[in-house]
């Protein structure tokens, strides 16, 4: 098969289009998961165990991990149900969050 100028141009444009779509897809996929930090004080052991299922406890009462929005909301629901009289702070990264 002999390639002329137009067919070569079509092939190059198609590869660029495909690579651009893959880049956009990878960028969107990166934001489906966000870093979550949960800091707890005086919470029941049951809540600490529940948080340890989904997040990594890097220090006593401090949990971090990458979760989707659905899992993050489920974790917050568990915190409100099992939190008792303790204190809990939850923070997560967003695409349009404040950048320092």
PDB file of N, CA and C in Angstrom:
ATOM      1  N   UNK A   1       0.855  -1.178   0.000  1.00  0.00           N
ATOM      2  CA  UNK A   1       0.000   0.000   0.000  1.00  0.00           C
ATOM      3  C   UNK A   1       0.893   1.231   0.000  1.00  0.00           C
ATOM      4  N   UNK A   2       0.593   2.114  -0.906  1.00  0.00           N
ATOM      5  CA  UNK A   2       1.374   3.334  -1.042  1.00  0.00           C
ATOM      6  C   UNK A   2       0.658   4.466  -0.313  1.00  0.00           C
ATOM      7  N   UNK A   3       1.342   5.156   0.559  1.00  0.00           N
ATOM      8  CA  UNK A   3       0.744   6.261   1.308  1.00  0.00           C
ATOM      9  C   UNK A   3       1.030   7.573   0.601  1.00  0.00           C
ATOM     10  N   UNK A   4      -0.001   8.330   0.375  1.00  0.00           N
ATOM     11  CA  UNK A   4       0.206   9.666  -0.162  1.00  0.00           C
ATOM     12  C   UNK A   4       0.125  10.687   0.976  1.00  0.00           C
ATOM     13  N   UNK A   5       0.253  11.931   0.612  1.00  0.00           N
ATOM     14  CA  UNK A   5       0.290  13.001   1.613  1.00  0.00           C
ATOM     15  C   UNK A   5      -1.003  13.057   2.441  1.00  0.00           C
ATOM     16  N   UNK A   6      -2.164  12.908   1.788  1.00  0.00           N
ATOM     17  CA  UNK A   6      -3.446  13.019   2.500  1.00  0.00           C
ATOM     18  C   UNK A   6      -3.678  11.850   3.455  1.00  0.00           C
ATOM     19  N   UNK A   7      -3.373  10.641   3.032  1.00  0.00           N
ATOM     20  CA  UNK A   7      -3.584   9.501   3.927  1.00  0.00           C
ATOM     21  C   UNK A   7      -2.632   9.554   5.116  1.00  0.00           C
ATOM     22  N   UNK A   8      -1.409  10.020   4.905  1.00  0.00           N
ATOM     23  CA  UNK A   8      -0.466  10.176   6.006  1.00  0.00           C
ATOM     24  C   UNK A   8      -0.970  11.225   6.997  1.00  0.00           C
ATOM     25  N   UNK A   9      -1.551  12.292   6.463  1.00  0.00           N
ATOM     26  CA  UNK A   9      -2.097  13.342   7.334  1.00  0.00           C
ATOM     27  C   UNK A   9      -3.258  12.794   8.164  1.00  0.00           C
ATOM     28  N   UNK A  10      -4.135  11.989   7.558  1.00  0.00           N
ATOM     29  CA  UNK A  10      -5.256  11.403   8.290  1.00  0.00           C
ATOM     30  C   UNK A  10      -4.766  10.499   9.425  1.00  0.00           C
ATOM     31  N   UNK A  11      -3.751   9.714   9.154  1.00  0.00           N
ATOM     32  CA  UNK A  11      -3.204   8.821  10.175  1.00  0.00           C
ATOM     33  C   UNK A  11      -2.636   9.625  11.335  1.00  0.00           C
ATOM     34  N   UNK A  12      -1.883  10.680  11.046  1.00  0.00           N
ATOM     35  CA  UNK A  12      -1.295  11.509  12.111  1.00  0.00           C
ATOM     36  C   UNK A  12      -2.370  12.192  12.938  1.00  0.00           C
ATOM     37  N   UNK A  13      -3.406  12.724  12.267  1.00  0.00           N
ATOM     38  CA  UNK A  13      -4.488  13.394  12.998  1.00  0.00           C
ATOM     39  C   UNK A  13      -5.238  12.402  13.880  1.00  0.00           C
ATOM     40  N   UNK A  14      -5.462  11.194  13.366  1.00  0.00           N
ATOM     41  CA  UNK A  14      -6.167  10.182  14.148  1.00  0.00           C
ATOM     42  C   UNK A  14      -5.365   9.802  15.390  1.00  0.00           C
ATOM     43  N   UNK A  15      -4.062   9.622  15.261  1.00  0.00           N
ATOM     44  CA  UNK A  15      -3.237   9.279  16.421  1.00  0.00           C
ATOM     45  C   UNK A  15      -3.250  10.407  17.443  1.00  0.00           C
ATOM     46  N   UNK A  16      -3.178  11.643  16.965  1.00  0.00           N
ATOM     47  CA  UNK A  16      -3.211  12.778  17.887  1.00  0.00           C
ATOM     48  C   UNK A  16      -4.561  12.836  18.600  1.00  0.00           C
ATOM     49  N   UNK A  17      -5.646  12.606  17.846  1.00  0.00           N
ATOM     50  CA  UNK A  17      -6.982  12.617  18.430  1.00  0.00           C
ATOM     51  C   UNK A  17      -7.119  11.524  19.483  1.00  0.00           C
ATOM     52  N   UNK A  18      -6.656  10.321  19.168  1.00  0.00           N
ATOM     53  CA  UNK A  18      -6.739   9.219  20.125  1.00  0.00           C
ATOM     54  C   UNK A  18      -5.907   9.499  21.370  1.00  0.00           C
ATOM     55  N   UNK A  19      -4.695  10.008  21.181  1.00  0.00           N
ATOM     56  CA  UNK A  19      -3.860  10.275  22.353  1.00  0.00           C
ATOM     57  C   UNK A  19      -4.451  11.399  23.187  1.00  0.00           C
ATOM     58  N   UNK A  20      -5.061  12.376  22.561  1.00  0.00           N
ATOM     59  CA  UNK A  20      -5.692  13.465  23.303  1.00  0.00           C
ATOM     60  C   UNK A  20      -6.864  12.932  24.119  1.00  0.00           C
ATOM     61  N   UNK A  21      -7.672  12.039  23.528  1.00  0.00           N
ATOM     62  CA  UNK A  21      -8.792  11.452  24.263  1.00  0.00           C
ATOM     63  C   UNK A  21      -8.310  10.606  25.431  1.00  0.00           C
ATOM     64  N   UNK A  22      -7.240   9.844  25.235  1.00  0.00           N
ATOM     65  CA  UNK A  22      -6.710   9.042  26.333  1.00  0.00           C
ATOM     66  C   UNK A  22      -6.207   9.933  27.457  1.00  0.00           C
ATOM     67  N   UNK A  23      -5.578  11.051  27.101  1.00  0.00           N
ATOM     68  CA  UNK A  23      -5.086  11.978  28.122  1.00  0.00           C
ATOM     69  C   UNK A  23      -6.244  12.563  28.915  1.00  0.00           C
ATOM     70  N   UNK A  24      -7.304  12.974  28.226  1.00  0.00           N
ATOM     71  CA  UNK A  24      -8.468  13.534  28.916  1.00  0.00           C
ATOM     72  C   UNK A  24      -9.113  12.474  29.796  1.00  0.00           C
ATOM     73  N   UNK A  25      -9.229  11.251  29.298  1.00  0.00           N
ATOM     74  CA  UNK A  25      -9.809  10.170  30.091  1.00  0.00           C
ATOM     75  C   UNK A  25      -8.979   9.905  31.340  1.00  0.00           C
ATOM     76  N   UNK A  26      -7.659   9.899  31.201  1.00  0.00           N
ATOM     77  CA  UNK A  26      -6.795   9.679  32.363  1.00  0.00           C
ATOM     78  C   UNK A  26      -6.941  10.814  33.358  1.00  0.00           C
ATOM     79  N   UNK A  27      -7.084  12.051  32.868  1.00  0.00           N
ATOM     80  CA  UNK A  27      -7.242  13.199  33.758  1.00  0.00           C
ATOM     81  C   UNK A  27      -8.561  13.113  34.513  1.00  0.00           C
ATOM     82  N   UNK A  28      -9.632  12.734  33.829  1.00  0.00           N
ATOM     83  CA  UNK A  28     -10.931  12.596  34.495  1.00  0.00           C
ATOM     84  C   UNK A  28     -10.881  11.467  35.514  1.00  0.00           C
ATOM     85  N   UNK A  29     -10.266  10.348  35.161  1.00  0.00           N
ATOM     86  CA  UNK A  29     -10.167   9.214  36.074  1.00  0.00           C
ATOM     87  C   UNK A  29      -9.395   9.545  37.332  1.00  0.00           C
ATOM     88  N   UNK A  30      -8.404  10.420  37.217  1.00  0.00           N
ATOM     89  CA  UNK A  30      -7.617  10.799  38.386  1.00  0.00           C
ATOM     90  C   UNK A  30      -8.469  11.539  39.401  1.00  0.00           C
ATOM     91  N   UNK A  31      -9.483  12.262  38.929  1.00  0.00           N
ATOM     92  CA  UNK A  31     -10.308  13.039  39.856  1.00  0.00           C
ATOM     93  C   UNK A  31     -11.521  12.274  40.356  1.00  0.00           C
ATOM     94  N   UNK A  32     -11.732  11.067  39.877  1.00  0.00           N
ATOM     95  CA  UNK A  32     -12.807  10.265  40.439  1.00  0.00           C
ATOM     96  C   UNK A  32     -12.453   9.815  41.848  1.00  0.00           C
ATOM     97  N   UNK A  33     -11.178   9.673  42.127  1.00  0.00           N
ATOM     98  CA  UNK A  33     -10.690   9.317  43.453  1.00  0.00           C
ATOM     99  C   UNK A  33     -10.036  10.555  44.055  1.00  0.00           C
ATOM    100  N   UNK A  34     -10.253  10.786  45.326  1.00  0.00           N
ATOM    101  CA  UNK A  34      -9.622  11.935  45.967  1.00  0.00           C
ATOM    102  C   UNK A  34      -9.027  11.512  47.306  1.00  0.00           C
ATOM    103  N   UNK A  35      -7.987  12.212  47.688  1.00  0.00           N
ATOM    104  CA  UNK A  35      -7.331  11.922  48.962  1.00  0.00           C
ATOM    105  C   UNK A  35      -8.225  12.401  50.102  1.00  0.00           C
ATOM    106  N   UNK A  36      -8.389  11.547  51.092  1.00  0.00           N
ATOM    107  CA  UNK A  36      -9.230  11.848  52.248  1.00  0.00           C
ATOM    108  C   UNK A  36      -8.380  11.751  53.504  1.00  0.00           C
ATOM    109  N   UNK A  37      -8.566  12.713  54.408  1.00  0.00           N
ATOM    110  CA  UNK A  37      -7.906  12.693  55.714  1.00  0.00           C
ATOM    111  C   UNK A  37      -8.991  12.793  56.774  1.00  0.00           C
ATOM    112  N   UNK A  38      -8.973  11.876  57.730  1.00  0.00           N
ATOM    113  CA  UNK A  38      -9.923  11.885  58.845  1.00  0.00           C
ATOM    114  C   UNK A  38      -9.120  11.903  60.135  1.00  0.00           C
ATOM    115  N   UNK A  39      -9.423  12.877  60.994  1.00  0.00           N
ATOM    116  CA  UNK A  39      -8.764  12.984  62.301  1.00  0.00           C
ATOM    117  C   UNK A  39      -9.835  12.794  63.366  1.00  0.00           C
ATOM    118  N   UNK A  40      -9.594  11.852  64.278  1.00  0.00           N
ATOM    119  CA  UNK A  40     -10.580  11.538  65.316  1.00  0.00           C
ATOM    120  C   UNK A  40      -9.987  11.750  66.702  1.00  0.00           C
ATOM    121  N   UNK A  41     -10.869  12.099  67.650  1.00  0.00           N
ATOM    122  CA  UNK A  41     -10.498  12.216  69.069  1.00  0.00           C
ATOM    123  C   UNK A  41     -11.633  11.642  69.904  1.00  0.00           C
ATOM    124  N   UNK A  42     -11.303  10.795  70.838  1.00  0.00           N
ATOM    125  CA  UNK A  42     -12.267  10.228  71.792  1.00  0.00           C
ATOM    126  C   UNK A  42     -13.470   9.571  71.108  1.00  0.00           C
ATOM    127  N   UNK A  43     -13.204   8.764  70.102  1.00  0.00           N
ATOM    128  CA  UNK A  43     -14.287   8.043  69.430  1.00  0.00           C
ATOM    129  C   UNK A  43     -14.257   6.585  69.872  1.00  0.00           C
ATOM    130  N   UNK A  44     -15.383   5.891  69.782  1.00  0.00           N
ATOM    131  CA  UNK A  44     -15.429   4.483  70.186  1.00  0.00           C
ATOM    132  C   UNK A  44     -14.515   3.609  69.315  1.00  0.00           C
ATOM    133  N   UNK A  45     -13.997   2.534  69.889  1.00  0.00           N
ATOM    134  CA  UNK A  45     -13.140   1.618  69.114  1.00  0.00           C
ATOM    135  C   UNK A  45     -13.831   1.051  67.874  1.00  0.00           C
ATOM    136  N   UNK A  46     -15.142   0.912  67.935  1.00  0.00           N
ATOM    137  CA  UNK A  46     -15.871   0.384  66.780  1.00  0.00           C
ATOM    138  C   UNK A  46     -15.723   1.308  65.565  1.00  0.00           C
ATOM    139  N   UNK A  47     -15.779   2.621  65.792  1.00  0.00           N
ATOM    140  CA  UNK A  47     -15.607   3.568  64.690  1.00  0.00           C
ATOM    141  C   UNK A  47     -14.178   3.536  64.167  1.00  0.00           C
ATOM    142  N   UNK A  48     -13.216   3.439  65.065  1.00  0.00           N
ATOM    143  CA  UNK A  48     -11.816   3.363  64.629  1.00  0.00           C
ATOM    144  C   UNK A  48     -11.583   2.123  63.772  1.00  0.00           C
ATOM    145  N   UNK A  49     -12.184   1.013  64.155  1.00  0.00           N
ATOM    146  CA  UNK A  49     -12.067  -0.204  63.356  1.00  0.00           C
ATOM    147  C   UNK A  49     -12.741  -0.073  62.003  1.00  0.00           C
ATOM    148  N   UNK A  50     -13.886   0.597  61.986  1.00  0.00           N
ATOM    149  CA  UNK A  50     -14.610   0.799  60.731  1.00  0.00           C
ATOM    150  C   UNK A  50     -13.813   1.692  59.778  1.00  0.00           C
ATOM    151  N   UNK A  51     -13.174   2.728  60.328  1.00  0.00           N
ATOM    152  CA  UNK A  51     -12.343   3.603  59.495  1.00  0.00           C
ATOM    153  C   UNK A  51     -11.113   2.864  58.967  1.00  0.00           C
ATOM    154  N   UNK A  52     -10.569   1.969  59.775  1.00  0.00           N
ATOM    155  CA  UNK A  52      -9.377   1.212  59.372  1.00  0.00           C
ATOM    156  C   UNK A  52      -9.668   0.256  58.216  1.00  0.00           C
ATOM    157  N   UNK A  53     -10.927  -0.089  58.000  1.00  0.00           N
ATOM    158  CA  UNK A  53     -11.285  -0.937  56.862  1.00  0.00           C
ATOM    159  C   UNK A  53     -11.044  -0.195  55.553  1.00  0.00           C
ATOM    160  N   UNK A  54     -11.388   1.084  55.506  1.00  0.00           N
ATOM    161  CA  UNK A  54     -11.336   1.851  54.263  1.00  0.00           C
ATOM    162  C   UNK A  54     -10.099   2.729  54.135  1.00  0.00           C
ATOM    163  N   UNK A  55      -9.518   3.125  55.261  1.00  0.00           N
ATOM    164  CA  UNK A  55      -8.404   4.073  55.240  1.00  0.00           C
ATOM    165  C   UNK A  55      -7.212   3.513  56.005  1.00  0.00           C
ATOM    166  N   UNK A  56      -6.052   4.086  55.779  1.00  0.00           N
ATOM    167  CA  UNK A  56      -4.827   3.684  56.460  1.00  0.00           C
ATOM    168  C   UNK A  56      -4.629   4.574  57.686  1.00  0.00           C
ATOM    169  N   UNK A  57      -4.451   3.957  58.861  1.00  0.00           N
ATOM    170  CA  UNK A  57      -4.222   4.727  60.085  1.00  0.00           C
ATOM    171  C   UNK A  57      -2.720   4.992  60.196  1.00  0.00           C
ATOM    172  N   UNK A  58      -2.314   6.239  59.909  1.00  0.00           N
ATOM    173  CA  UNK A  58      -0.886   6.561  59.911  1.00  0.00           C
ATOM    174  C   UNK A  58      -0.385   6.966  61.287  1.00  0.00           C
ATOM    175  N   UNK A  59      -1.275   7.322  62.160  1.00  0.00           N
ATOM    176  CA  UNK A  59      -0.973   7.665  63.546  1.00  0.00           C
ATOM    177  C   UNK A  59      -2.262   7.454  64.320  1.00  0.00           C
ATOM    178  N   UNK A  60      -2.177   7.356  65.618  1.00  0.00           N
ATOM    179  CA  UNK A  60      -3.386   7.101  66.408  1.00  0.00           C
ATOM    180  C   UNK A  60      -4.433   8.180  66.127  1.00  0.00           C
ATOM    181  N   UNK A  61      -5.548   7.776  65.552  1.00  0.00           N
ATOM    182  CA  UNK A  61      -6.640   8.699  65.284  1.00  0.00           C
ATOM    183  C   UNK A  61      -6.536   9.473  63.984  1.00  0.00           C
ATOM    184  N   UNK A  62      -5.506   9.232  63.169  1.00  0.00           N
ATOM    185  CA  UNK A  62      -5.339   9.942  61.889  1.00  0.00           C
ATOM    186  C   UNK A  62      -5.386   8.909  60.765  1.00  0.00           C
ATOM    187  N   UNK A  63      -6.347   9.069  59.857  1.00  0.00           N
ATOM    188  CA  UNK A  63      -6.569   8.122  58.764  1.00  0.00           C
ATOM    189  C   UNK A  63      -6.453   8.848  57.429  1.00  0.00           C
ATOM    190  N   UNK A  64      -5.814   8.210  56.453  1.00  0.00           N
ATOM    191  CA  UNK A  64      -5.694   8.776  55.109  1.00  0.00           C
ATOM    192  C   UNK A  64      -5.975   7.691  54.076  1.00  0.00           C
ATOM    193  N   UNK A  65      -6.387   8.128  52.885  1.00  0.00           N
ATOM    194  CA  UNK A  65      -6.608   7.181  51.802  1.00  0.00           C
ATOM    195  C   UNK A  65      -7.190   7.859  50.582  1.00  0.00           C
ATOM    196  N   UNK A  66      -7.239   7.130  49.464  1.00  0.00           N
ATOM    197  CA  UNK A  66      -7.877   7.580  48.228  1.00  0.00           C
ATOM    198  C   UNK A  66      -9.223   6.885  48.120  1.00  0.00           C
ATOM    199  N   UNK A  67     -10.279   7.671  48.032  1.00  0.00           N
ATOM    200  CA  UNK A  67     -11.617   7.092  47.946  1.00  0.00           C
ATOM    201  C   UNK A  67     -12.434   7.817  46.893  1.00  0.00           C
ATOM    202  N   UNK A  68     -13.473   7.166  46.435  1.00  0.00           N
ATOM    203  CA  UNK A  68     -14.424   7.807  45.531  1.00  0.00           C
ATOM    204  C   UNK A  68     -15.418   8.618  46.365  1.00  0.00           C
ATOM    205  N   UNK A  69     -16.229   9.401  45.684  1.00  0.00           N
ATOM    206  CA  UNK A  69     -17.229  10.215  46.383  1.00  0.00           C
ATOM    207  C   UNK A  69     -18.209   9.322  47.147  1.00  0.00           C
ATOM    208  N   UNK A  70     -18.607   8.233  46.536  1.00  0.00           N
ATOM    209  CA  UNK A  70     -19.568   7.324  47.176  1.00  0.00           C
ATOM    210  C   UNK A  70     -19.009   6.742  48.478  1.00  0.00           C
ATOM    211  N   UNK A  71     -17.758   6.292  48.442  1.00  0.00           N
ATOM    212  CA  UNK A  71     -17.138   5.723  49.638  1.00  0.00           C
ATOM    213  C   UNK A  71     -16.942   6.803  50.692  1.00  0.00           C
ATOM    214  N   UNK A  72     -16.542   8.001  50.269  1.00  0.00           N
ATOM    215  CA  UNK A  72     -16.350   9.107  51.214  1.00  0.00           C
ATOM    216  C   UNK A  72     -17.661   9.440  51.934  1.00  0.00           C
ATOM    217  N   UNK A  73     -18.764   9.469  51.193  1.00  0.00           N
ATOM    218  CA  UNK A  73     -20.062   9.743  51.814  1.00  0.00           C
ATOM    219  C   UNK A  73     -20.480   8.616  52.752  1.00  0.00           C
ATOM    220  N   UNK A  74     -20.171   7.367  52.386  1.00  0.00           N
ATOM    221  CA  UNK A  74     -20.478   6.231  53.254  1.00  0.00           C
ATOM    222  C   UNK A  74     -19.658   6.310  54.542  1.00  0.00           C
ATOM    223  N   UNK A  75     -18.384   6.702  54.416  1.00  0.00           N
ATOM    224  CA  UNK A  75     -17.537   6.859  55.603  1.00  0.00           C
ATOM    225  C   UNK A  75     -18.111   7.941  56.509  1.00  0.00           C
ATOM    226  N   UNK A  76     -18.550   9.067  55.938  1.00  0.00           N
ATOM    227  CA  UNK A  76     -19.113  10.138  56.761  1.00  0.00           C
ATOM    228  C   UNK A  76     -20.399   9.684  57.449  1.00  0.00           C
ATOM    229  N   UNK A  77     -21.198   8.898  56.758  1.00  0.00           N
ATOM    230  CA  UNK A  77     -22.412   8.363  57.372  1.00  0.00           C
ATOM    231  C   UNK A  77     -22.060   7.476  58.567  1.00  0.00           C
ATOM    232  N   UNK A  78     -21.036   6.639  58.437  1.00  0.00           N
ATOM    233  CA  UNK A  78     -20.592   5.797  59.546  1.00  0.00           C
ATOM    234  C   UNK A  78     -20.079   6.655  60.706  1.00  0.00           C
ATOM    235  N   UNK A  79     -19.367   7.726  60.386  1.00  0.00           N
ATOM    236  CA  UNK A  79     -18.841   8.619  61.426  1.00  0.00           C
ATOM    237  C   UNK A  79     -19.981   9.253  62.207  1.00  0.00           C
ATOM    238  N   UNK A  80     -21.009   9.737  61.508  1.00  0.00           N
ATOM    239  CA  UNK A  80     -22.123  10.383  62.211  1.00  0.00           C
ATOM    240  C   UNK A  80     -22.922   9.382  63.044  1.00  0.00           C
ATOM    241  N   UNK A  81     -23.016   8.133  62.596  1.00  0.00           N
ATOM    242  CA  UNK A  81     -23.765   7.132  63.349  1.00  0.00           C
ATOM    243  C   UNK A  81     -22.992   6.606  64.549  1.00  0.00           C
ATOM    244  N   UNK A  82     -21.678   6.394  64.389  1.00  0.00           N
ATOM    245  CA  UNK A  82     -20.893   5.733  65.428  1.00  0.00           C
ATOM    246  C   UNK A  82     -19.987   6.678  66.210  1.00  0.00           C
ATOM    247  N   UNK A  83     -19.999   7.960  65.887  1.00  0.00           N
ATOM    248  CA  UNK A  83     -19.051   8.905  66.480  1.00  0.00           C
ATOM    249  C   UNK A  83     -19.201   9.114  67.971  1.00  0.00           C
ATOM    250  N   UNK A  84     -20.396   8.981  68.491  1.00  0.00           N
ATOM    251  CA  UNK A  84     -20.604   9.198  69.921  1.00  0.00           C
ATOM    252  C   UNK A  84     -20.330  10.641  70.309  1.00  0.00           C
ATOM    253  N   UNK A  85     -19.632  10.820  71.440  1.00  0.00           N
ATOM    254  CA  UNK A  85     -19.345  12.172  71.926  1.00  0.00           C
ATOM    255  C   UNK A  85     -17.976  12.663  71.467  1.00  0.00           C
ATOM    256  N   UNK A  86     -17.285  11.895  70.639  1.00  0.00           N
ATOM    257  CA  UNK A  86     -15.943  12.269  70.183  1.00  0.00           C
ATOM    258  C   UNK A  86     -15.980  13.357  69.116  1.00  0.00           C
ATOM    259  N   UNK A  87     -14.789  13.793  68.730  1.00  0.00           N
ATOM    260  CA  UNK A  87     -14.633  14.809  67.692  1.00  0.00           C
ATOM    261  C   UNK A  87     -14.050  14.161  66.443  1.00  0.00           C
ATOM    262  N   UNK A  88     -14.559  14.571  65.286  1.00  0.00           N
ATOM    263  CA  UNK A  88     -14.056  14.047  64.018  1.00  0.00           C
ATOM    264  C   UNK A  88     -13.971  15.192  63.014  1.00  0.00           C
ATOM    265  N   UNK A  89     -12.842  15.253  62.305  1.00  0.00           N
ATOM    266  CA  UNK A  89     -12.662  16.203  61.207  1.00  0.00           C
ATOM    267  C   UNK A  89     -12.338  15.393  59.965  1.00  0.00           C
ATOM    268  N   UNK A  90     -13.022  15.717  58.865  1.00  0.00           N
ATOM    269  CA  UNK A  90     -12.784  15.020  57.601  1.00  0.00           C
ATOM    270  C   UNK A  90     -12.494  16.053  56.520  1.00  0.00           C
ATOM    271  N   UNK A  91     -11.390  15.868  55.794  1.00  0.00           N
ATOM    272  CA  UNK A  91     -11.024  16.776  54.702  1.00  0.00           C
ATOM    273  C   UNK A  91     -10.661  15.943  53.487  1.00  0.00           C
ATOM    274  N   UNK A  92     -10.955  16.468  52.291  1.00  0.00           N
ATOM    275  CA  UNK A  92     -10.610  15.751  51.075  1.00  0.00           C
ATOM    276  C   UNK A  92     -10.233  16.737  49.979  1.00  0.00           C
ATOM    277  N   UNK A  93      -9.470  16.228  49.017  1.00  0.00           N
ATOM    278  CA  UNK A  93      -9.019  17.037  47.890  1.00  0.00           C
ATOM    279  C   UNK A  93     -10.116  17.102  46.834  1.00  0.00           C
ATOM    280  N   UNK A  94     -10.249  18.267  46.200  1.00  0.00           N
ATOM    281  CA  UNK A  94     -11.174  18.433  45.087  1.00  0.00           C
ATOM    282  C   UNK A  94     -10.435  19.047  43.912  1.00  0.00           C
ATOM    283  N   UNK A  95     -11.012  18.918  42.751  1.00  0.00           N
ATOM    284  CA  UNK A  95     -10.370  19.445  41.549  1.00  0.00           C
ATOM    285  C   UNK A  95     -10.272  20.960  41.604  1.00  0.00           C
ATOM    286  N   UNK A  96     -11.273  21.615  42.173  1.00  0.00           N
ATOM    287  CA  UNK A  96     -11.305  23.067  42.196  1.00  0.00           C
ATOM    288  C   UNK A  96     -11.043  23.622  43.589  1.00  0.00           C
ATOM    289  N   UNK A  97     -10.324  22.884  44.409  1.00  0.00           N
ATOM    290  CA  UNK A  97     -10.026  23.315  45.768  1.00  0.00           C
ATOM    291  C   UNK A  97      -9.005  24.437  45.812  1.00  0.00           C
ATOM    292  N   UNK A  98      -8.807  24.982  46.988  1.00  0.00           N
ATOM    293  CA  UNK A  98      -7.835  26.051  47.185  1.00  0.00           C
ATOM    294  C   UNK A  98      -6.438  25.477  47.023  1.00  0.00           C
ATOM    295  N   UNK A  99      -5.607  26.136  46.248  1.00  0.00           N
ATOM    296  CA  UNK A  99      -4.223  25.701  46.029  1.00  0.00           C
ATOM    297  C   UNK A  99      -3.296  26.668  46.739  1.00  0.00           C
ATOM    298  N   UNK A 100      -2.348  26.137  47.483  1.00  0.00           N
ATOM    299  CA  UNK A 100      -1.373  26.986  48.173  1.00  0.00           C
ATOM    300  C   UNK A 100      -0.014  26.800  47.567  1.00  0.00           C
TER     301      UNK A 100
END
